[in-house]
N, C-alpha and C. Protein backbone atom coordinates (compact mmCIF):
# COMPACT_ATOMS: atom_id res chain seq x y z
N MET A 1 -36.08 -13.32 -27.82
CA MET A 1 -35.06 -14.06 -27.09
C MET A 1 -35.79 -15.04 -26.16
N ASN A 2 -35.46 -16.29 -26.32
CA ASN A 2 -36.15 -17.28 -25.49
C ASN A 2 -35.45 -17.45 -24.14
N VAL A 3 -36.03 -18.21 -23.29
CA VAL A 3 -35.54 -18.38 -21.92
C VAL A 3 -34.15 -19.01 -21.91
N GLU A 4 -33.92 -19.95 -22.74
CA GLU A 4 -32.62 -20.64 -22.77
C GLU A 4 -31.51 -19.67 -23.17
N ASP A 5 -31.76 -18.81 -24.13
CA ASP A 5 -30.78 -17.81 -24.54
C ASP A 5 -30.52 -16.82 -23.41
N ARG A 6 -31.55 -16.43 -22.72
CA ARG A 6 -31.39 -15.50 -21.60
C ARG A 6 -30.57 -16.14 -20.48
N VAL A 7 -30.82 -17.39 -20.19
CA VAL A 7 -30.07 -18.09 -19.15
C VAL A 7 -28.60 -18.21 -19.57
N THR A 8 -28.36 -18.53 -20.81
CA THR A 8 -26.99 -18.63 -21.31
C THR A 8 -26.28 -17.28 -21.20
N GLU A 9 -26.97 -16.21 -21.56
CA GLU A 9 -26.38 -14.88 -21.45
C GLU A 9 -26.07 -14.53 -19.99
N LEU A 10 -26.99 -14.84 -19.11
CA LEU A 10 -26.77 -14.57 -17.69
C LEU A 10 -25.60 -15.39 -17.13
N GLU A 11 -25.50 -16.64 -17.54
CA GLU A 11 -24.38 -17.48 -17.09
C GLU A 11 -23.05 -16.93 -17.60
N THR A 12 -23.06 -16.42 -18.84
CA THR A 12 -21.85 -15.83 -19.41
C THR A 12 -21.45 -14.59 -18.62
N ARG A 13 -22.42 -13.74 -18.34
CA ARG A 13 -22.15 -12.53 -17.56
C ARG A 13 -21.63 -12.88 -16.16
N LEU A 14 -22.24 -13.87 -15.55
CA LEU A 14 -21.83 -14.28 -14.21
C LEU A 14 -20.38 -14.79 -14.23
N ALA A 15 -20.04 -15.58 -15.22
CA ALA A 15 -18.68 -16.08 -15.33
C ALA A 15 -17.69 -14.93 -15.51
N PHE A 16 -18.05 -13.96 -16.34
CA PHE A 16 -17.19 -12.80 -16.55
C PHE A 16 -17.04 -12.01 -15.26
N GLN A 17 -18.13 -11.82 -14.54
CA GLN A 17 -18.07 -11.09 -13.28
C GLN A 17 -17.23 -11.84 -12.24
N ASP A 18 -17.34 -13.14 -12.20
CA ASP A 18 -16.52 -13.93 -11.27
C ASP A 18 -15.04 -13.77 -11.58
N ASP A 19 -14.70 -13.80 -12.86
CA ASP A 19 -13.30 -13.61 -13.26
C ASP A 19 -12.81 -12.21 -12.88
N THR A 20 -13.65 -11.22 -13.11
CA THR A 20 -13.29 -9.85 -12.79
C THR A 20 -13.08 -9.68 -11.28
N ILE A 21 -13.97 -10.23 -10.49
CA ILE A 21 -13.84 -10.15 -9.03
C ILE A 21 -12.56 -10.84 -8.58
N HIS A 22 -12.26 -11.98 -9.15
CA HIS A 22 -11.03 -12.70 -8.80
C HIS A 22 -9.79 -11.87 -9.13
N GLU A 23 -9.77 -11.26 -10.31
CA GLU A 23 -8.64 -10.42 -10.71
C GLU A 23 -8.50 -9.20 -9.80
N LEU A 24 -9.62 -8.57 -9.48
CA LEU A 24 -9.59 -7.41 -8.59
C LEU A 24 -9.09 -7.80 -7.20
N ASN A 25 -9.50 -8.96 -6.72
CA ASN A 25 -9.04 -9.43 -5.43
C ASN A 25 -7.53 -9.66 -5.44
N GLU A 26 -7.00 -10.22 -6.51
CA GLU A 26 -5.55 -10.44 -6.61
C GLU A 26 -4.80 -9.10 -6.59
N VAL A 27 -5.33 -8.12 -7.30
CA VAL A 27 -4.71 -6.79 -7.31
C VAL A 27 -4.75 -6.18 -5.92
N LEU A 28 -5.89 -6.30 -5.26
CA LEU A 28 -6.04 -5.76 -3.91
C LEU A 28 -5.07 -6.42 -2.93
N VAL A 29 -4.92 -7.72 -3.01
CA VAL A 29 -3.99 -8.43 -2.13
C VAL A 29 -2.56 -7.95 -2.38
N GLU A 30 -2.18 -7.79 -3.63
CA GLU A 30 -0.83 -7.31 -3.96
C GLU A 30 -0.61 -5.89 -3.46
N GLN A 31 -1.61 -5.04 -3.63
CA GLN A 31 -1.48 -3.67 -3.14
C GLN A 31 -1.36 -3.63 -1.62
N GLN A 32 -2.09 -4.48 -0.94
CA GLN A 32 -1.99 -4.53 0.52
C GLN A 32 -0.60 -5.00 0.94
N ARG A 33 -0.06 -5.97 0.22
CA ARG A 33 1.29 -6.45 0.51
C ARG A 33 2.30 -5.31 0.33
N GLN A 34 2.15 -4.56 -0.74
CA GLN A 34 3.05 -3.44 -1.00
C GLN A 34 2.90 -2.35 0.06
N LEU A 35 1.67 -2.06 0.47
CA LEU A 35 1.45 -1.05 1.52
C LEU A 35 2.09 -1.48 2.84
N THR A 36 1.98 -2.74 3.17
CA THR A 36 2.59 -3.24 4.40
C THR A 36 4.10 -3.11 4.34
N LEU A 37 4.67 -3.46 3.21
CA LEU A 37 6.12 -3.33 3.02
C LEU A 37 6.55 -1.87 3.09
N MET A 38 5.80 -1.00 2.44
CA MET A 38 6.15 0.42 2.43
C MET A 38 6.02 1.03 3.83
N ALA A 39 5.03 0.60 4.59
CA ALA A 39 4.87 1.10 5.95
C ALA A 39 6.06 0.69 6.81
N ALA A 40 6.51 -0.54 6.63
CA ALA A 40 7.68 -1.01 7.38
C ALA A 40 8.93 -0.22 6.97
N GLN A 41 9.10 0.02 5.68
CA GLN A 41 10.24 0.79 5.21
C GLN A 41 10.19 2.23 5.72
N LEU A 42 9.00 2.82 5.74
CA LEU A 42 8.85 4.17 6.25
C LEU A 42 9.21 4.22 7.73
N GLY A 43 8.79 3.22 8.47
CA GLY A 43 9.15 3.16 9.89
C GLY A 43 10.66 3.10 10.08
N GLN A 44 11.33 2.31 9.25
CA GLN A 44 12.79 2.22 9.33
C GLN A 44 13.44 3.55 8.97
N LEU A 45 12.92 4.22 7.95
CA LEU A 45 13.47 5.52 7.56
C LEU A 45 13.29 6.56 8.67
N ILE A 46 12.13 6.55 9.29
CA ILE A 46 11.88 7.49 10.39
C ILE A 46 12.85 7.22 11.53
N GLU A 47 13.05 5.95 11.83
CA GLU A 47 13.97 5.59 12.90
C GLU A 47 15.40 6.03 12.56
N ARG A 48 15.82 5.81 11.34
CA ARG A 48 17.17 6.24 10.93
C ARG A 48 17.30 7.75 10.98
N TYR A 49 16.24 8.46 10.55
CA TYR A 49 16.27 9.93 10.60
C TYR A 49 16.42 10.40 12.04
N ARG A 50 15.68 9.80 12.94
CA ARG A 50 15.77 10.19 14.35
C ARG A 50 17.17 9.93 14.91
N GLU A 51 17.78 8.83 14.51
CA GLU A 51 19.14 8.53 14.96
C GLU A 51 20.12 9.57 14.44
N ILE A 52 19.98 9.91 13.16
CA ILE A 52 20.88 10.89 12.55
C ILE A 52 20.64 12.27 13.15
N ALA A 53 19.41 12.68 13.24
CA ALA A 53 19.08 14.00 13.78
C ALA A 53 19.48 14.09 15.25
N GLY A 54 19.28 13.04 16.00
CA GLY A 54 19.68 13.03 17.40
C GLY A 54 21.18 13.08 17.57
N GLY A 55 21.91 12.45 16.68
CA GLY A 55 23.37 12.45 16.75
C GLY A 55 23.97 13.79 16.39
N GLN A 56 23.33 14.53 15.49
CA GLN A 56 23.86 15.82 15.07
C GLN A 56 23.58 16.91 16.08
N TYR A 57 22.40 16.91 16.65
CA TYR A 57 21.98 18.02 17.49
C TYR A 57 21.87 17.65 18.96
N GLY A 58 22.16 16.44 19.29
CA GLY A 58 22.02 16.00 20.67
C GLY A 58 20.58 15.64 20.95
N GLU A 59 20.37 14.79 21.90
CA GLU A 59 19.03 14.30 22.19
C GLU A 59 18.14 15.38 22.81
N GLY A 60 18.72 16.27 23.63
CA GLY A 60 17.88 17.22 24.33
C GLY A 60 17.67 18.53 23.59
N GLY A 61 18.44 18.82 22.58
CA GLY A 61 18.36 20.12 21.93
C GLY A 61 17.23 20.21 20.95
N ASP A 62 16.54 21.32 21.00
CA ASP A 62 15.47 21.56 20.04
C ASP A 62 15.98 22.28 18.80
N GLU A 63 17.09 22.99 18.97
CA GLU A 63 17.61 23.78 17.87
C GLU A 63 18.99 23.25 17.46
N ALA A 64 19.28 23.47 16.18
CA ALA A 64 20.60 23.14 15.68
C ALA A 64 21.57 24.24 16.11
N PRO A 65 22.85 23.90 16.26
CA PRO A 65 23.80 24.95 16.60
C PRO A 65 23.90 25.93 15.44
N PRO A 66 24.27 27.18 15.73
CA PRO A 66 24.40 28.17 14.66
C PRO A 66 25.46 27.72 13.64
N PRO A 67 25.36 28.19 12.41
CA PRO A 67 26.29 27.74 11.36
C PRO A 67 27.75 28.10 11.62
N HIS A 68 28.05 29.11 12.41
CA HIS A 68 29.43 29.51 12.61
C HIS A 68 30.13 28.64 13.66
N TYR A 69 29.46 27.68 14.27
CA TYR A 69 30.09 26.81 15.26
C TYR A 69 30.79 25.69 14.58
């Protein structure tokens, strides 16, 4: 294998690696966007749960009323 063939092979590998890195970066950006959205949704769900739980049992109560009440 001569030098020119080796350089061509290396350039091909480099181009493939650049494409792979670009694709991985796009996936990573999308996953981060989804994580940010999910974290916001989880925060909203926690807030709604606290509102519902606080409304059922009162803000100061640690325990739910007995079932016969």
